[in-house]
Amino acid sequence: VIRDRILLAFEGVPKETRGALDDGTTKFLR
């Protein structure tokens, strides 16, 4: 997972669905 996420950095912004958090930030869901 770590290897694949580092490689995704070369694409800039990976295509993700993210979940909203109470402080206005978000986290990766799927």
Full PDB file with SEQRES, HELIX, SHEET, SSBOND, CRYST1, ORIGX, SCALE, CONECT and MASTER records, all heavy atoms in Angstrom:
SEQRES   1 A   30  VAL ILE ARG ASP ARG ILE LEU LEU ALA PHE GLU GLY VAL          
SEQRES   2 A   30  PRO LYS GLU THR ARG GLY ALA LEU ASP ASP GLY THR THR          
SEQRES   3 A   30  LYS PHE LEU ARG                                              
HELIX    1 AA1 ILE A    2  LEU A    8  1                                   7    
HELIX    2 AA2 ALA A    9  GLU A   11  5                                   3    
SHEET    1 AA1 2 ARG A  18  ALA A  20  0                                        
SHEET    2 AA1 2 THR A  26  PHE A  28 -1                                        
CRYST1    1.000    1.000    1.000  90.00  90.00  90.00 P 1           1          
ORIGX1      1.000000  0.000000  0.000000        0.00000                         
ORIGX2      0.000000  1.000000  0.000000        0.00000                         
ORIGX3      0.000000  0.000000  1.000000        0.00000                         
SCALE1      1.000000  0.000000  0.000000        0.00000                         
SCALE2      0.000000  1.000000  0.000000        0.00000                         
SCALE3      0.000000  0.000000  1.000000        0.00000                         
ATOM      1  N   VAL A   1       0.837  -1.210   0.000  1.00  0.00           N  
ATOM      2  CA  VAL A   1       0.000   0.000   0.000  1.00  0.00           C  
ATOM      3  C   VAL A   1       0.869   1.256   0.000  1.00  0.00           C  
ATOM      4  O   VAL A   1       0.623   2.204  -0.757  1.00  0.00           O  
ATOM      5  CB  VAL A   1      -0.934  -0.009   1.233  1.00  0.00           C  
ATOM      6  CG1 VAL A   1      -1.622   1.338   1.408  1.00  0.00           C  
ATOM      7  CG2 VAL A   1      -1.954  -1.127   1.106  1.00  0.00           C  
ATOM      8  N   ILE A   2       1.911   1.286   0.850  1.00  0.00           N  
ATOM      9  CA  ILE A   2       2.811   2.443   0.948  1.00  0.00           C  
ATOM     10  C   ILE A   2       3.537   2.653  -0.373  1.00  0.00           C  
ATOM     11  O   ILE A   2       3.635   3.788  -0.878  1.00  0.00           O  
ATOM     12  CB  ILE A   2       3.810   2.256   2.111  1.00  0.00           C  
ATOM     13  CG1 ILE A   2       3.067   2.358   3.455  1.00  0.00           C  
ATOM     14  CG2 ILE A   2       4.937   3.282   2.045  1.00  0.00           C  
ATOM     15  CD1 ILE A   2       3.852   1.843   4.646  1.00  0.00           C  
ATOM     16  N   ARG A   3       4.031   1.573  -0.944  1.00  0.00           N  
ATOM     17  CA  ARG A   3       4.716   1.673  -2.236  1.00  0.00           C  
ATOM     18  C   ARG A   3       3.783   2.267  -3.295  1.00  0.00           C  
ATOM     19  O   ARG A   3       4.142   3.208  -4.016  1.00  0.00           O  
ATOM     20  CB  ARG A   3       5.179   0.282  -2.676  1.00  0.00           C  
ATOM     21  CG  ARG A   3       5.884   0.232  -4.031  1.00  0.00           C  
ATOM     22  CD  ARG A   3       5.895  -1.181  -4.584  1.00  0.00           C  
ATOM     23  NE  ARG A   3       4.531  -1.644  -4.835  1.00  0.00           N  
ATOM     24  CZ  ARG A   3       4.150  -2.913  -4.800  1.00  0.00           C  
ATOM     25  NH1 ARG A   3       5.021  -3.873  -4.506  1.00  0.00           N  
ATOM     26  NH2 ARG A   3       2.888  -3.238  -5.053  1.00  0.00           N  
ATOM     27  N   ASP A   4       2.559   1.733  -3.377  1.00  0.00           N  
ATOM     28  CA  ASP A   4       1.623   2.191  -4.409  1.00  0.00           C  
ATOM     29  C   ASP A   4       1.212   3.649  -4.208  1.00  0.00           C  
ATOM     30  O   ASP A   4       1.054   4.400  -5.174  1.00  0.00           O  
ATOM     31  CB  ASP A   4       0.367   1.301  -4.410  1.00  0.00           C  
ATOM     32  CG  ASP A   4       0.674  -0.122  -4.875  1.00  0.00           C  
ATOM     33  OD1 ASP A   4       1.774  -0.337  -5.440  1.00  0.00           O  
ATOM     34  OD2 ASP A   4      -0.168  -1.013  -4.663  1.00  0.00           O  
ATOM     35  N   ARG A   5       1.041   4.060  -2.913  1.00  0.00           N  
ATOM     36  CA  ARG A   5       0.630   5.466  -2.670  1.00  0.00           C  
ATOM     37  C   ARG A   5       1.763   6.425  -3.004  1.00  0.00           C  
ATOM     38  O   ARG A   5       1.529   7.529  -3.519  1.00  0.00           O  
ATOM     39  CB  ARG A   5       0.187   5.649  -1.214  1.00  0.00           C  
ATOM     40  CG  ARG A   5      -0.294   7.088  -0.910  1.00  0.00           C  
ATOM     41  CD  ARG A   5      -1.480   7.456  -1.766  1.00  0.00           C  
ATOM     42  NE  ARG A   5      -1.867   8.854  -1.681  1.00  0.00           N  
ATOM     43  CZ  ARG A   5      -1.398   9.840  -2.432  1.00  0.00           C  
ATOM     44  NH1 ARG A   5      -0.467   9.582  -3.355  1.00  0.00           N  
ATOM     45  NH2 ARG A   5      -1.840  11.073  -2.305  1.00  0.00           N  
ATOM     46  N   ILE A   6       3.011   6.026  -2.735  1.00  0.00           N  
ATOM     47  CA  ILE A   6       4.146   6.883  -3.115  1.00  0.00           C  
ATOM     48  C   ILE A   6       4.196   7.028  -4.635  1.00  0.00           C  
ATOM     49  O   ILE A   6       4.412   8.126  -5.170  1.00  0.00           O  
ATOM     50  CB  ILE A   6       5.467   6.313  -2.567  1.00  0.00           C  
ATOM     51  CG1 ILE A   6       5.515   6.477  -1.034  1.00  0.00           C  
ATOM     52  CG2 ILE A   6       6.670   7.016  -3.196  1.00  0.00           C  
ATOM     53  CD1 ILE A   6       6.685   5.788  -0.363  1.00  0.00           C  
ATOM     54  N   LEU A   7       3.964   5.948  -5.355  1.00  0.00           N  
ATOM     55  CA  LEU A   7       3.970   6.009  -6.829  1.00  0.00           C  
ATOM     56  C   LEU A   7       2.839   6.897  -7.354  1.00  0.00           C  
ATOM     57  O   LEU A   7       2.998   7.566  -8.384  1.00  0.00           O  
ATOM     58  CB  LEU A   7       3.848   4.599  -7.411  1.00  0.00           C  
ATOM     59  CG  LEU A   7       5.044   3.657  -7.165  1.00  0.00           C  
ATOM     60  CD1 LEU A   7       4.770   2.274  -7.729  1.00  0.00           C  
ATOM     61  CD2 LEU A   7       6.326   4.228  -7.769  1.00  0.00           C  
ATOM     62  N   LEU A   8       1.719   6.921  -6.638  1.00  0.00           N  
ATOM     63  CA  LEU A   8       0.611   7.787  -7.069  1.00  0.00           C  
ATOM     64  C   LEU A   8       0.956   9.273  -6.967  1.00  0.00           C  
ATOM     65  O   LEU A   8       0.312  10.108  -7.602  1.00  0.00           O  
ATOM     66  CB  LEU A   8      -0.638   7.506  -6.213  1.00  0.00           C  
ATOM     67  CG  LEU A   8      -1.424   6.231  -6.543  1.00  0.00           C  
ATOM     68  CD1 LEU A   8      -2.524   6.013  -5.503  1.00  0.00           C  
ATOM     69  CD2 LEU A   8      -2.020   6.303  -7.939  1.00  0.00           C  
ATOM     70  N   ALA A   9       1.991   9.606  -6.177  1.00  0.00           N  
ATOM     71  CA  ALA A   9       2.409  11.011  -6.048  1.00  0.00           C  
ATOM     72  C   ALA A   9       2.858  11.570  -7.399  1.00  0.00           C  
ATOM     73  O   ALA A   9       2.803  12.783  -7.625  1.00  0.00           O  
ATOM     74  CB  ALA A   9       3.530  11.135  -5.024  1.00  0.00           C  
ATOM     75  N   PHE A  10       3.288  10.695  -8.307  1.00  0.00           N  
ATOM     76  CA  PHE A  10       3.722  11.152  -9.633  1.00  0.00           C  
ATOM     77  C   PHE A  10       2.536  11.547 -10.513  1.00  0.00           C  
ATOM     78  O   PHE A  10       2.716  12.197 -11.537  1.00  0.00           O  
ATOM     79  CB  PHE A  10       4.551  10.060 -10.327  1.00  0.00           C  
ATOM     80  CG  PHE A  10       5.896   9.859  -9.694  1.00  0.00           C  
ATOM     81  CD1 PHE A  10       6.065   8.946  -8.666  1.00  0.00           C  
ATOM     82  CD2 PHE A  10       6.995  10.599 -10.103  1.00  0.00           C  
ATOM     83  CE1 PHE A  10       7.306   8.762  -8.059  1.00  0.00           C  
ATOM     84  CE2 PHE A  10       8.237  10.427  -9.506  1.00  0.00           C  
ATOM     85  CZ  PHE A  10       8.392   9.506  -8.477  1.00  0.00           C  
ATOM     86  N   GLU A  11       1.332  11.165 -10.092  1.00  0.00           N  
ATOM     87  CA  GLU A  11       0.125  11.580 -10.821  1.00  0.00           C  
ATOM     88  C   GLU A  11      -0.445  12.877 -10.252  1.00  0.00           C  
ATOM     89  O   GLU A  11      -1.343  13.473 -10.849  1.00  0.00           O  
ATOM     90  CB  GLU A  11      -0.941  10.476 -10.742  1.00  0.00           C  
ATOM     91  CG  GLU A  11      -0.514   9.182 -11.426  1.00  0.00           C  
ATOM     92  CD  GLU A  11      -1.534   8.066 -11.238  1.00  0.00           C  
ATOM     93  OE1 GLU A  11      -2.703   8.372 -10.870  1.00  0.00           O  
ATOM     94  OE2 GLU A  11      -1.162   6.903 -11.445  1.00  0.00           O  
ATOM     95  N   GLY A  12       0.038  13.289  -9.094  1.00  0.00           N  
ATOM     96  CA  GLY A  12      -0.472  14.502  -8.450  1.00  0.00           C  
ATOM     97  C   GLY A  12      -1.612  14.172  -7.511  1.00  0.00           C  
ATOM     98  O   GLY A  12      -1.400  13.895  -6.333  1.00  0.00           O  
ATOM     99  N   VAL A  13      -2.829  14.195  -8.033  1.00  0.00           N  
ATOM    100  CA  VAL A  13      -4.026  13.982  -7.203  1.00  0.00           C  
ATOM    101  C   VAL A  13      -4.685  12.667  -7.609  1.00  0.00           C  
ATOM    102  O   VAL A  13      -5.283  12.579  -8.686  1.00  0.00           O  
ATOM    103  CB  VAL A  13      -5.036  15.138  -7.366  1.00  0.00           C  
ATOM    104  CG1 VAL A  13      -6.222  14.956  -6.422  1.00  0.00           C  
ATOM    105  CG2 VAL A  13      -4.364  16.489  -7.120  1.00  0.00           C  
ATOM    106  N   PRO A  14      -4.581  11.623  -6.786  1.00  0.00           N  
ATOM    107  CA  PRO A  14      -5.221  10.343  -7.132  1.00  0.00           C  
ATOM    108  C   PRO A  14      -6.748  10.467  -7.109  1.00  0.00           C  
ATOM    109  O   PRO A  14      -7.309  11.246  -6.340  1.00  0.00           O  
ATOM    110  CB  PRO A  14      -4.755   9.388  -6.039  1.00  0.00           C  
ATOM    111  CG  PRO A  14      -3.677  10.094  -5.297  1.00  0.00           C  
ATOM    112  CD  PRO A  14      -3.881  11.548  -5.503  1.00  0.00           C  
ATOM    113  N   LYS A  15      -7.405   9.686  -7.947  1.00  0.00           N  
ATOM    114  CA  LYS A  15      -8.874   9.681  -8.012  1.00  0.00           C  
ATOM    115  C   LYS A  15      -9.408   8.903  -6.824  1.00  0.00           C  
ATOM    116  O   LYS A  15      -9.247   7.683  -6.755  1.00  0.00           O  
ATOM    117  CB  LYS A  15      -9.313   9.035  -9.326  1.00  0.00           C  
ATOM    118  CG  LYS A  15     -10.662   9.485  -9.803  1.00  0.00           C  
ATOM    119  CD  LYS A  15     -10.931   8.997 -11.211  1.00  0.00           C  
ATOM    120  CE  LYS A  15     -12.287   9.506 -11.677  1.00  0.00           C  
ATOM    121  NZ  LYS A  15     -12.605   9.041 -13.022  1.00  0.00           N  
ATOM    122  N   GLU A  16     -10.037   9.605  -5.874  1.00  0.00           N  
ATOM    123  CA  GLU A  16     -10.451   8.980  -4.620  1.00  0.00           C  
ATOM    124  C   GLU A  16     -11.867   9.396  -4.227  1.00  0.00           C  
ATOM    125  O   GLU A  16     -12.358  10.455  -4.625  1.00  0.00           O  
ATOM    126  CB  GLU A  16      -9.536   9.423  -3.464  1.00  0.00           C  
ATOM    127  CG  GLU A  16      -8.081   9.095  -3.604  1.00  0.00           C  
ATOM    128  CD  GLU A  16      -7.232   9.811  -2.566  1.00  0.00           C  
ATOM    129  OE1 GLU A  16      -7.675  10.833  -1.998  1.00  0.00           O  
ATOM    130  OE2 GLU A  16      -6.118   9.337  -2.325  1.00  0.00           O  
ATOM    131  N   THR A  17     -12.475   8.569  -3.402  1.00  0.00           N  
ATOM    132  CA  THR A  17     -13.649   8.968  -2.620  1.00  0.00           C  
ATOM    133  C   THR A  17     -13.153   9.186  -1.199  1.00  0.00           C  
ATOM    134  O   THR A  17     -12.491   8.329  -0.629  1.00  0.00           O  
ATOM    135  CB  THR A  17     -14.729   7.880  -2.645  1.00  0.00           C  
ATOM    136  OG1 THR A  17     -15.172   7.697  -3.991  1.00  0.00           O  
ATOM    137  CG2 THR A  17     -15.917   8.269  -1.774  1.00  0.00           C  
ATOM    138  N   ARG A  18     -13.482  10.367  -0.643  1.00  0.00           N  
ATOM    139  CA  ARG A  18     -12.984  10.729   0.678  1.00  0.00           C  
ATOM    140  C   ARG A  18     -14.154  11.016   1.613  1.00  0.00           C  
ATOM    141  O   ARG A  18     -15.255  11.363   1.169  1.00  0.00           O  
ATOM    142  CB  ARG A  18     -12.055  11.960   0.591  1.00  0.00           C  
ATOM    143  CG  ARG A  18     -10.846  11.709  -0.299  1.00  0.00           C  
ATOM    144  CD  ARG A  18      -9.940  12.935  -0.418  1.00  0.00           C  
ATOM    145  NE  ARG A  18      -9.268  13.252   0.821  1.00  0.00           N  
ATOM    146  CZ  ARG A  18      -8.136  12.686   1.236  1.00  0.00           C  
ATOM    147  NH1 ARG A  18      -7.552  11.754   0.497  1.00  0.00           N  
ATOM    148  NH2 ARG A  18      -7.580  13.040   2.374  1.00  0.00           N  
ATOM    149  N   GLY A  19     -13.907  10.867   2.912  1.00  0.00           N  
ATOM    150  CA  GLY A  19     -14.939  11.114   3.910  1.00  0.00           C  
ATOM    151  C   GLY A  19     -14.693  12.422   4.641  1.00  0.00           C  
ATOM    152  O   GLY A  19     -13.552  12.759   4.956  1.00  0.00           O  
ATOM    153  N   ALA A  20     -15.761  13.172   4.892  1.00  0.00           N  
ATOM    154  CA  ALA A  20     -15.650  14.453   5.592  1.00  0.00           C  
ATOM    155  C   ALA A  20     -15.408  14.223   7.083  1.00  0.00           C  
ATOM    156  O   ALA A  20     -16.008  13.345   7.695  1.00  0.00           O  
ATOM    157  CB  ALA A  20     -16.923  15.261   5.396  1.00  0.00           C  
ATOM    158  N   LEU A  21     -14.512  15.028   7.664  1.00  0.00           N  
ATOM    159  CA  LEU A  21     -14.224  14.984   9.099  1.00  0.00           C  
ATOM    160  C   LEU A  21     -14.749  16.258   9.761  1.00  0.00           C  
ATOM    161  O   LEU A  21     -15.009  17.262   9.095  1.00  0.00           O  
ATOM    162  CB  LEU A  21     -12.711  14.838   9.334  1.00  0.00           C  
ATOM    163  CG  LEU A  21     -12.070  13.580   8.719  1.00  0.00           C  
ATOM    164  CD1 LEU A  21     -10.558  13.616   8.911  1.00  0.00           C  
ATOM    165  CD2 LEU A  21     -12.649  12.313   9.328  1.00  0.00           C  
ATOM    166  N   ASP A  22     -14.865  16.221  11.087  1.00  0.00           N  
ATOM    167  CA  ASP A  22     -15.499  17.327  11.815  1.00  0.00           C  
ATOM    168  C   ASP A  22     -14.728  18.641  11.753  1.00  0.00           C  
ATOM    169  O   ASP A  22     -15.301  19.700  12.014  1.00  0.00           O  
ATOM    170  CB  ASP A  22     -15.710  16.939  13.284  1.00  0.00           C  
ATOM    171  CG  ASP A  22     -16.800  15.894  13.456  1.00  0.00           C  
ATOM    172  OD1 ASP A  22     -17.626  15.767  12.526  1.00  0.00           O  
ATOM    173  OD2 ASP A  22     -16.826  15.213  14.491  1.00  0.00           O  
ATOM    174  N   ASP A  23     -13.419  18.589  11.437  1.00  0.00           N  
ATOM    175  CA  ASP A  23     -12.641  19.835  11.382  1.00  0.00           C  
ATOM    176  C   ASP A  23     -12.579  20.413   9.967  1.00  0.00           C  
ATOM    177  O   ASP A  23     -11.850  21.369   9.712  1.00  0.00           O  
ATOM    178  CB  ASP A  23     -11.214  19.613  11.916  1.00  0.00           C  
ATOM    179  CG  ASP A  23     -10.413  18.636  11.069  1.00  0.00           C  
ATOM    180  OD1 ASP A  23     -11.005  18.011  10.153  1.00  0.00           O  
ATOM    181  OD2 ASP A  23      -9.206  18.478  11.324  1.00  0.00           O  
ATOM    182  N   GLY A  24     -13.354  19.843   9.037  1.00  0.00           N  
ATOM    183  CA  GLY A  24     -13.375  20.359   7.668  1.00  0.00           C  
ATOM    184  C   GLY A  24     -12.374  19.672   6.745  1.00  0.00           C  
ATOM    185  O   GLY A  24     -12.386  19.914   5.539  1.00  0.00           O  
ATOM    186  N   THR A  25     -11.493  18.843   7.295  1.00  0.00           N  
ATOM    187  CA  THR A  25     -10.576  18.076   6.452  1.00  0.00           C  
ATOM    188  C   THR A  25     -11.280  16.791   6.021  1.00  0.00           C  
ATOM    189  O   THR A  25     -12.420  16.531   6.386  1.00  0.00           O  
ATOM    190  CB  THR A  25      -9.265  17.755   7.189  1.00  0.00           C  
ATOM    191  OG1 THR A  25      -9.571  16.950   8.342  1.00  0.00           O  
ATOM    192  CG2 THR A  25      -8.565  19.037   7.634  1.00  0.00           C  
ATOM    193  N   THR A  26     -10.571  15.982   5.223  1.00  0.00           N  
ATOM    194  CA  THR A  26     -11.160  14.738   4.737  1.00  0.00           C  
ATOM    195  C   THR A  26     -10.146  13.611   4.846  1.00  0.00           C  
ATOM    196  O   THR A  26      -8.946  13.862   5.007  1.00  0.00           O  
ATOM    197  CB  THR A  26     -11.581  14.873   3.262  1.00  0.00           C  
ATOM    198  OG1 THR A  26     -10.426  15.192   2.464  1.00  0.00           O  
ATOM    199  CG2 THR A  26     -12.627  15.948   3.072  1.00  0.00           C  
ATOM    200  N   LYS A  27     -10.638  12.369   4.758  1.00  0.00           N  
ATOM    201  CA  LYS A  27      -9.730  11.217   4.767  1.00  0.00           C  
ATOM    202  C   LYS A  27     -10.096  10.264   3.632  1.00  0.00           C  
ATOM    203  O   LYS A  27     -11.252  10.227   3.177  1.00  0.00           O  
ATOM    204  CB  LYS A  27      -9.785  10.485   6.109  1.00  0.00           C  
ATOM    205  CG  LYS A  27     -11.110   9.793   6.375  1.00  0.00           C  
ATOM    206  CD  LYS A  27     -11.043   8.972   7.652  1.00  0.00           C  
ATOM    207  CE  LYS A  27     -12.371   8.215   7.876  1.00  0.00           C  
ATOM    208  NZ  LYS A  27     -12.337   7.367   9.065  1.00  0.00           N  
ATOM    209  N   PHE A  28      -9.112   9.490   3.190  1.00  0.00           N  
ATOM    210  CA  PHE A  28      -9.327   8.507   2.130  1.00  0.00           C  
ATOM    211  C   PHE A  28     -10.303   7.429   2.597  1.00  0.00           C  
ATOM    212  O   PHE A  28     -10.172   6.891   3.686  1.00  0.00           O  
ATOM    213  CB  PHE A  28      -7.989   7.861   1.750  1.00  0.00           C  
ATOM    214  CG  PHE A  28      -8.122   6.669   0.842  1.00  0.00           C  
ATOM    215  CD1 PHE A  28      -8.334   6.835  -0.514  1.00  0.00           C  
ATOM    216  CD2 PHE A  28      -8.032   5.381   1.352  1.00  0.00           C  
ATOM    217  CE1 PHE A  28      -8.458   5.739  -1.356  1.00  0.00           C  
ATOM    218  CE2 PHE A  28      -8.153   4.270   0.530  1.00  0.00           C  
ATOM    219  CZ  PHE A  28      -8.363   4.455  -0.831  1.00  0.00           C  
ATOM    220  N   LEU A  29     -11.304   7.123   1.751  1.00  0.00           N  
ATOM    221  CA  LEU A  29     -12.228   6.040   2.034  1.00  0.00           C  
ATOM    222  C   LEU A  29     -12.007   4.851   1.100  1.00  0.00           C  
ATOM    223  O   LEU A  29     -11.854   3.726   1.522  1.00  0.00           O  
ATOM    224  CB  LEU A  29     -13.686   6.515   1.890  1.00  0.00           C  
ATOM    225  CG  LEU A  29     -14.213   7.528   2.905  1.00  0.00           C  
ATOM    226  CD1 LEU A  29     -15.657   7.888   2.580  1.00  0.00           C  
ATOM    227  CD2 LEU A  29     -14.123   6.977   4.327  1.00  0.00           C  
ATOM    228  N   ARG A  30     -11.975   5.157  -0.211  1.00  0.00           N  
ATOM    229  CA  ARG A  30     -11.867   4.088  -1.209  1.00  0.00           C  
ATOM    230  C   ARG A  30     -11.603   4.717  -2.575  1.00  0.00           C  
ATOM    231  O   ARG A  30     -11.766   5.925  -2.748  1.00  0.00           O  
ATOM    232  CB  ARG A  30     -13.160   3.273  -1.264  1.00  0.00           C  
ATOM    233  CG  ARG A  30     -14.393   4.102  -1.565  1.00  0.00           C  
ATOM    234  CD  ARG A  30     -15.674   3.263  -1.546  1.00  0.00           C  
ATOM    235  NE  ARG A  30     -16.861   4.111  -1.715  1.00  0.00           N  
ATOM    236  CZ  ARG A  30     -17.544   4.641  -0.721  1.00  0.00           C  
ATOM    237  NH1 ARG A  30     -17.170   4.427   0.529  1.00  0.00           N  
ATOM    238  NH2 ARG A  30     -18.599   5.392  -0.958  1.00  0.00           N  
TER     239      ARG A  30                                                      
MASTER        0    0    0    2    2    0    0    6  238    1    0    3          
END                                                                             
